Structure formats: structure tokens, C-alpha cells
Amino acid sequence: MANSVNTLSALTRLFSSSVFRELATKGRSPMFARLFGQAFGDHALDSLDTVGSAFDEAFAILRDRGNRDEYIYKAALTHRVLLGTHNLRTACMLTEFRIGPCKADLAILNGTGTVYEIKSERDSLTRLSRQLAAYKKAFARVFVVASDRHLDGVLESTPDDVGVMVLSSRYQISTIRDAPDRPDRICPVTVLDSLRVSEAKQILEQIGVEVPVVPNTLLHARLRQEFVKLPAAEVHGAMVQVLKRTRNLLPLSDLVDQLPPSLHAAALSVPVRKMDHDRLVSAVRTPLKLAVNWA
């Protein structure tokens, strides 16, 4: 059992932002080599040829073993919703987006703003009510994406205006309860506090409100005075349009196309400089027998 737990931990950490950034900035990752050794040992070198194939194999194990972590759920939403229902030309994705005291796991902006709170096999439902209350203040549609294990508990503990999805054992996302589109309930000031100052200014401009011209030390207070007066639905609509421009993921499409499917979610959520893209792709294509020596 100890080995099983250690193996699962190593597989999970392979998809950490630290490993991804190390591959991009250095073209090699000692952390990857160590974690691969912990997860697979030397016997996998005969069946896996590149670093990318090792990531895909690790992903397949995590996906199927009934103890999936948050990254597996983010990958499912990336493939099934962002790149499946929508595309990078028409939609953008936010991860770890700060809303009040909480961080939303993932949000997708298309014609409206939809936020997804992930409750994987490893999570508890302790903070769910507080998280959902915060998310309703910034996004028109709110979903919980749960494991089979949590489904009954989520349905019983969430109101009807919160959608519920389940990630099946076959890696399919099913909607158990749909979420209504309610931009009228968001809180403009909460939206303001979640954004960059430049984005808040653009929202005012899009709505037709003059942007305050004051020293930077006074700017947030003045923006707050303006946002508190604005209609909720207008702020939400403008937020969606502005963030689709400022957080546009289309420039990452070439990178995504060159990476294995297991790394698509990482490519779209872990910031990497454009100048590091080729180095990252080259690292992922490195023969595994060479990569194990990175450690």
C-alpha cells in the first residue's frame, strides 16, 4: 500500500507546474527524471520511447485508477468543453482565478461566463458552500464537477441554481443538473476585485462610462465607486468580452498541437514564455533513455 501511495504521488507530481516550467526554461527536468523513476522504475524504458509518451502513460494510469486528482478533471474540461464544445478562437479559459476569499479551479468564457468547481476523489465537500457563494458573485453559470463518489453529496448539498456534472470512469463528462445563466446576480465590485486594473478600465469603456483620471493611489477606490453603480448583467457581459481579449489563448494553439494530449491542460494553464515554446517541445520529444539521466 505504501508503494501504491508513493507511486500515485509521483504520477500526480509529474503534471505539476514546476515540472512543466522546468522543461520549458531548461529544456530538461531533473524533477521529471526523479518522479519518473519513482513512478515507473527502469522496466518502463522498454515500452516508452519519449518523455511525451511517459506523460501519456502516467495520465492514463491516473485517469483509470479511481483516485484521480484535480489535473485529470481540468484536462477533461479542457478537452471536452474548451476544445470540444468550443475552441480557442471563440472561448478562453481561466484557472486558479481569484474570487473574493476563494480561487476558482477553472472558468470558461464564451458567450457567457461559466465557472467549474472540481471535487475529485481526493477532495472533501467541506468548503463547497462558501466557494459556490463566492463564484455566483462573478460568473453567470456555476457548476460542480464531481466524482461518482461525491455525486449524491453534491446534489443534496447544492441549490438548484448550481449545475452538477460527473466525470465517469470512462473519462466522459455528463451533465446531471444544468446551471441557469444568471448574470443578473453577480456583484460588480467582486468582479472588480478579481481583475487587473487595465481590465477594469476596459470594462468601463465598453459600458460607456468615463474612466476616472486620478493618481494610482486613488484609482481603485474611484473604480469601486463606479462599479458599485453599474447593472450586474452589463458588467458581466463586458467582463466576458474583455477577458476573452486579455486572456486570449489562441497564441498557444501551435504549442498545444505539438504536445501530447496529456499536456494540453498544462499548456493552456501554466504560463510559459513564447521564447521557451520550442525548448519545451524539444524536451517533451527527448528519448526517455536520455531523459532519465537528467536527474
Protein backbone atom coordinates (compact mmCIF):
# COMPACT_ATOMS: atom_id res chain seq x y z
CA MET A 1 0.00 0.00 0.00
CA ALA A 2 2.84 2.39 0.82
CA ASN A 3 4.34 1.80 -2.61
CA SER A 4 0.94 2.40 -4.21
CA VAL A 5 0.55 5.72 -2.39
CA ASN A 6 4.09 6.79 -3.27
CA THR A 7 3.57 5.82 -6.91
CA LEU A 8 0.33 7.76 -7.10
CA SER A 9 2.01 10.80 -5.56
CA ALA A 10 4.87 10.65 -8.08
CA LEU A 11 2.47 10.29 -11.02
CA THR A 12 0.47 13.27 -9.81
CA ARG A 13 3.55 15.46 -9.35
CA LEU A 14 4.70 14.75 -12.91
CA PHE A 15 1.92 17.14 -14.01
CA SER A 16 2.88 19.91 -11.60
CA SER A 17 3.58 23.39 -12.91
CA SER A 18 7.13 23.05 -11.56
CA VAL A 19 7.98 20.18 -13.91
CA PHE A 20 6.29 21.90 -16.85
CA ARG A 21 8.17 25.17 -16.28
CA GLU A 22 11.46 23.35 -15.78
CA LEU A 23 11.07 21.62 -19.16
CA ALA A 24 10.29 24.97 -20.79
CA THR A 25 13.04 27.07 -19.22
CA LYS A 26 15.85 24.50 -19.16
CA GLY A 27 14.92 22.04 -21.89
CA ARG A 28 15.33 19.29 -19.30
CA SER A 29 13.82 18.48 -15.92
CA PRO A 30 15.70 16.69 -13.13
CA MET A 31 12.39 16.67 -11.26
CA PHE A 32 10.74 14.76 -14.12
CA ALA A 33 13.57 12.20 -14.10
CA ARG A 34 13.27 11.62 -10.34
CA LEU A 35 9.48 11.34 -10.41
CA PHE A 36 9.53 9.04 -13.42
CA GLY A 37 11.94 6.73 -11.59
CA GLN A 38 9.69 6.71 -8.51
CA ALA A 39 6.57 6.04 -10.55
CA PHE A 40 7.80 3.55 -13.14
CA GLY A 41 11.31 2.34 -12.36
CA ASP A 42 13.60 1.11 -15.11
CA HIS A 43 11.23 -1.51 -16.51
CA ALA A 44 9.16 1.10 -18.41
CA LEU A 45 12.11 2.15 -20.58
CA ASP A 46 11.47 -0.78 -22.93
CA SER A 47 7.85 0.20 -23.65
CA LEU A 48 8.02 4.02 -23.60
CA ASP A 49 10.16 5.90 -26.10
CA THR A 50 9.93 9.64 -25.30
CA VAL A 51 9.22 11.99 -22.42
CA GLY A 52 5.85 12.72 -24.04
CA SER A 53 4.91 9.03 -24.08
CA ALA A 54 5.80 8.85 -20.38
CA PHE A 55 3.41 11.72 -19.66
CA ASP A 56 0.66 10.00 -21.65
CA GLU A 57 1.21 6.73 -19.78
CA ALA A 58 1.18 8.47 -16.41
CA PHE A 59 -2.02 10.28 -17.39
CA ALA A 60 -3.68 7.01 -18.46
CA ILE A 61 -2.87 5.43 -15.09
CA LEU A 62 -4.17 8.41 -13.11
CA ARG A 63 -7.29 8.62 -15.26
CA ASP A 64 -8.28 5.00 -14.77
CA ARG A 65 -7.33 4.15 -11.23
CA GLY A 66 -10.30 5.71 -9.45
CA ASN A 67 -8.15 8.11 -7.48
CA ARG A 68 -7.94 10.95 -9.96
CA ASP A 69 -6.58 14.32 -8.95
CA GLU A 70 -7.56 17.84 -9.94
CA TYR A 71 -5.36 17.87 -13.06
CA ILE A 72 -7.30 14.95 -14.57
CA TYR A 73 -10.54 16.88 -14.13
CA LYS A 74 -9.03 20.05 -15.60
CA ALA A 75 -7.81 18.04 -18.56
CA ALA A 76 -11.29 16.58 -19.07
CA LEU A 77 -12.85 20.05 -19.05
CA THR A 78 -10.13 21.31 -21.39
CA HIS A 79 -10.70 18.51 -23.91
CA ARG A 80 -14.46 18.05 -23.61
CA VAL A 81 -15.60 21.65 -23.13
CA LEU A 82 -12.95 24.21 -24.13
CA LEU A 83 -11.57 22.28 -27.13
CA GLY A 84 -14.64 20.11 -27.70
CA THR A 85 -17.78 22.22 -27.39
CA HIS A 86 -15.88 25.49 -28.02
CA ASN A 87 -12.47 26.32 -29.48
CA LEU A 88 -9.58 28.70 -28.78
CA ARG A 89 -10.88 31.23 -31.33
CA THR A 90 -14.19 31.74 -29.56
CA ALA A 91 -13.50 30.92 -25.91
CA CYS A 92 -10.86 31.36 -23.25
CA MET A 93 -10.10 29.50 -20.04
CA LEU A 94 -9.07 30.82 -16.64
CA THR A 95 -7.50 28.64 -13.96
CA GLU A 96 -6.99 29.41 -10.28
CA PHE A 97 -8.98 32.63 -10.75
CA ARG A 98 -9.26 34.64 -7.54
CA ILE A 99 -12.83 35.49 -6.47
CA GLY A 100 -13.07 37.06 -3.03
CA PRO A 101 -11.55 34.64 -0.49
CA CYS A 102 -11.63 31.71 -2.94
CA LYS A 103 -9.82 30.55 -6.08
CA ALA A 104 -11.96 29.06 -8.82
CA ASP A 105 -10.48 25.86 -10.24
CA LEU A 106 -11.44 26.69 -13.80
CA ALA A 107 -13.68 29.06 -15.73
CA ILE A 108 -14.55 29.15 -19.43
CA LEU A 109 -15.69 32.33 -21.14
CA ASN A 110 -17.61 32.02 -24.37
CA GLY A 111 -20.98 33.73 -24.85
CA THR A 112 -21.23 33.84 -21.07
CA GLY A 113 -19.02 33.14 -18.06
CA THR A 114 -19.09 29.64 -16.58
CA VAL A 115 -17.09 28.56 -13.56
CA TYR A 116 -16.33 24.96 -12.58
CA GLU A 117 -15.50 23.81 -9.07
CA ILE A 118 -13.79 20.42 -9.09
CA LYS A 119 -14.44 17.87 -6.38
CA SER A 120 -12.25 14.91 -7.22
CA GLU A 121 -11.92 11.62 -5.39
CA ARG A 122 -9.27 13.23 -3.19
CA ASP A 123 -11.34 16.27 -2.18
CA SER A 124 -13.85 16.84 0.59
CA LEU A 125 -17.03 18.91 0.35
CA THR A 126 -16.24 20.94 3.47
CA ARG A 127 -15.71 24.32 1.78
CA LEU A 128 -18.13 23.85 -1.10
CA SER A 129 -20.94 26.14 0.10
CA ARG A 130 -18.54 29.04 0.70
CA GLN A 131 -16.87 28.51 -2.67
CA LEU A 132 -20.15 28.46 -4.59
CA ALA A 133 -21.40 31.60 -2.85
CA ALA A 134 -18.25 33.43 -3.96
CA TYR A 135 -18.41 32.17 -7.55
CA LYS A 136 -22.01 33.33 -8.01
CA LYS A 137 -20.77 36.88 -7.43
CA ALA A 138 -18.54 36.78 -10.53
CA PHE A 139 -19.92 34.24 -13.02
CA ALA A 140 -23.37 33.74 -14.53
CA ARG A 141 -23.20 29.94 -14.54
CA VAL A 142 -21.76 27.80 -11.75
CA PHE A 143 -21.05 24.06 -11.94
CA VAL A 144 -19.61 21.47 -9.59
CA VAL A 145 -17.71 18.74 -11.42
CA ALA A 146 -17.67 15.73 -9.14
CA SER A 147 -16.56 12.14 -8.97
CA ASP A 148 -19.12 9.36 -8.72
CA ARG A 149 -18.20 9.13 -5.06
CA HIS A 150 -19.27 12.70 -4.36
CA LEU A 151 -22.29 12.91 -6.69
CA ASP A 152 -25.04 12.22 -4.16
CA GLY A 153 -23.48 14.54 -1.59
CA VAL A 154 -23.11 17.35 -4.11
CA LEU A 155 -26.71 17.02 -5.33
CA GLU A 156 -28.03 17.05 -1.78
CA SER A 157 -25.90 19.97 -0.57
CA THR A 158 -26.21 22.39 -3.50
CA PRO A 159 -29.18 24.54 -4.58
CA ASP A 160 -30.94 24.17 -7.92
CA ASP A 161 -29.15 27.18 -9.41
CA VAL A 162 -25.84 25.30 -9.27
CA GLY A 163 -25.18 22.83 -12.07
CA VAL A 164 -23.71 19.40 -11.38
CA MET A 165 -21.51 17.36 -13.70
CA VAL A 166 -19.87 14.00 -13.15
CA LEU A 167 -16.63 12.63 -14.59
CA SER A 168 -17.31 8.98 -15.29
CA SER A 169 -14.90 6.07 -15.01
CA ARG A 170 -14.64 6.23 -18.82
CA TYR A 171 -13.41 9.85 -18.67
CA GLN A 172 -16.68 11.24 -20.01
CA ILE A 173 -18.31 14.36 -18.55
CA SER A 174 -22.07 14.15 -18.11
CA THR A 175 -24.39 16.95 -17.00
CA ILE A 176 -26.60 15.71 -14.18
CA ARG A 177 -28.18 19.09 -13.46
CA ASP A 178 -27.81 22.08 -15.75
CA ALA A 179 -26.92 25.54 -14.48
CA PRO A 180 -29.08 28.55 -15.35
CA ASP A 181 -27.45 31.60 -16.94
CA ARG A 182 -27.81 34.30 -14.25
CA PRO A 183 -25.59 37.33 -15.00
CA ASP A 184 -28.05 39.49 -13.03
CA ARG A 185 -26.91 38.00 -9.72
CA ILE A 186 -23.20 38.82 -9.96
CA CYS A 187 -21.62 41.52 -7.80
CA PRO A 188 -19.82 44.21 -9.86
CA VAL A 189 -17.46 45.08 -7.02
CA THR A 190 -16.44 41.42 -6.61
CA VAL A 191 -15.71 41.34 -10.34
CA LEU A 192 -13.60 44.49 -10.00
CA ASP A 193 -11.56 42.97 -7.18
CA SER A 194 -10.84 39.89 -9.32
CA LEU A 195 -9.44 41.82 -12.29
CA ARG A 196 -6.33 43.68 -13.32
CA VAL A 197 -6.73 47.46 -13.25
CA SER A 198 -6.32 47.63 -17.03
CA GLU A 199 -9.19 45.14 -17.46
CA ALA A 200 -11.44 47.11 -15.12
CA LYS A 201 -10.79 50.24 -17.17
CA GLN A 202 -11.70 48.40 -20.37
CA ILE A 203 -14.97 47.23 -18.84
CA LEU A 204 -15.93 50.80 -18.01
CA GLU A 205 -15.04 51.91 -21.54
CA GLN A 206 -17.07 49.09 -23.08
CA ILE A 207 -20.11 50.00 -21.00
CA GLY A 208 -19.67 53.68 -21.89
CA VAL A 209 -18.56 55.00 -18.51
CA GLU A 210 -15.72 57.51 -18.37
CA VAL A 211 -12.60 56.09 -16.74
CA PRO A 212 -11.52 58.14 -13.69
CA VAL A 213 -8.30 60.08 -14.19
CA VAL A 214 -6.70 60.09 -10.74
CA PRO A 215 -3.34 59.13 -9.21
CA ASN A 216 -2.73 55.38 -8.94
CA THR A 217 -3.05 55.54 -5.16
CA LEU A 218 -6.68 56.66 -5.55
CA LEU A 219 -7.61 54.69 -8.66
CA HIS A 220 -9.00 51.52 -7.11
CA ALA A 221 -11.26 53.46 -4.76
CA ARG A 222 -12.60 55.52 -7.67
CA LEU A 223 -13.11 52.43 -9.82
CA ARG A 224 -15.03 50.90 -6.94
CA GLN A 225 -17.30 53.96 -6.82
CA GLU A 226 -18.09 53.50 -10.49
CA PHE A 227 -18.56 49.71 -10.43
CA VAL A 228 -20.95 49.74 -7.49
CA LYS A 229 -23.38 51.81 -9.59
CA LEU A 230 -23.34 49.57 -12.66
CA PRO A 231 -26.01 46.97 -13.63
CA ALA A 232 -24.77 43.47 -12.82
CA ALA A 233 -25.63 41.90 -16.19
CA GLU A 234 -23.83 44.68 -18.09
CA VAL A 235 -20.69 44.25 -16.02
CA HIS A 236 -20.74 40.50 -16.54
CA GLY A 237 -21.21 40.83 -20.30
CA ALA A 238 -18.38 43.36 -20.56
CA MET A 239 -16.15 41.22 -18.32
CA VAL A 240 -16.61 38.23 -20.62
CA GLN A 241 -15.71 40.26 -23.71
CA VAL A 242 -12.71 41.96 -22.10
CA LEU A 243 -11.24 38.79 -20.60
CA LYS A 244 -11.64 36.94 -23.90
CA ARG A 245 -9.30 39.57 -25.33
CA THR A 246 -6.85 39.99 -22.46
CA ARG A 247 -6.61 36.28 -21.53
CA ASN A 248 -6.78 35.02 -25.14
CA LEU A 249 -5.32 31.52 -25.52
CA LEU A 250 -5.26 31.39 -29.33
CA PRO A 251 -1.50 32.18 -29.46
CA LEU A 252 -0.97 28.86 -27.65
CA SER A 253 -2.71 26.77 -30.32
CA ASP A 254 0.54 25.89 -32.13
CA LEU A 255 2.14 24.80 -28.86
CA VAL A 256 -0.87 22.66 -27.95
CA ASP A 257 -0.76 20.97 -31.36
CA GLN A 258 2.87 19.94 -30.79
CA LEU A 259 2.35 18.45 -27.32
CA PRO A 260 0.80 15.11 -26.34
CA PRO A 261 -2.85 15.23 -25.20
CA SER A 262 -1.86 14.65 -21.57
CA LEU A 263 -0.11 18.06 -21.52
CA HIS A 264 -2.78 20.15 -23.26
CA ALA A 265 -4.31 21.35 -19.98
CA ALA A 266 -0.87 22.30 -18.66
CA ALA A 267 -0.03 24.21 -21.83
CA LEU A 268 -3.22 26.25 -21.51
CA SER A 269 -2.92 26.97 -17.79
CA VAL A 270 0.78 27.22 -16.88
CA PRO A 271 2.30 30.49 -18.18
CA VAL A 272 5.34 29.87 -20.37
CA ARG A 273 7.18 32.49 -22.41
CA LYS A 274 6.79 32.31 -26.19
CA MET A 275 10.57 32.12 -26.50
CA ASP A 276 10.51 28.89 -24.45
CA HIS A 277 7.94 27.05 -26.58
CA ASP A 278 10.43 25.35 -28.91
CA ARG A 279 12.59 24.31 -25.96
CA LEU A 280 9.55 22.78 -24.25
CA VAL A 281 8.52 20.84 -27.36
CA SER A 282 12.08 19.58 -27.83
CA ALA A 283 12.25 18.44 -24.19
CA VAL A 284 8.97 16.55 -24.49
CA ARG A 285 10.29 14.78 -27.61
CA THR A 286 13.52 13.75 -25.87
CA PRO A 287 14.16 9.97 -25.89
CA LEU A 288 13.25 8.64 -22.47
CA LYS A 289 16.53 6.73 -22.13
CA LEU A 290 18.31 10.08 -22.26
CA ALA A 291 15.80 11.93 -20.07
CA VAL A 292 16.19 9.54 -17.13
CA ASN A 293 19.75 10.84 -16.82
CA TRP A 294 18.53 14.42 -16.26
CA ALA A 295 18.46 13.62 -12.54
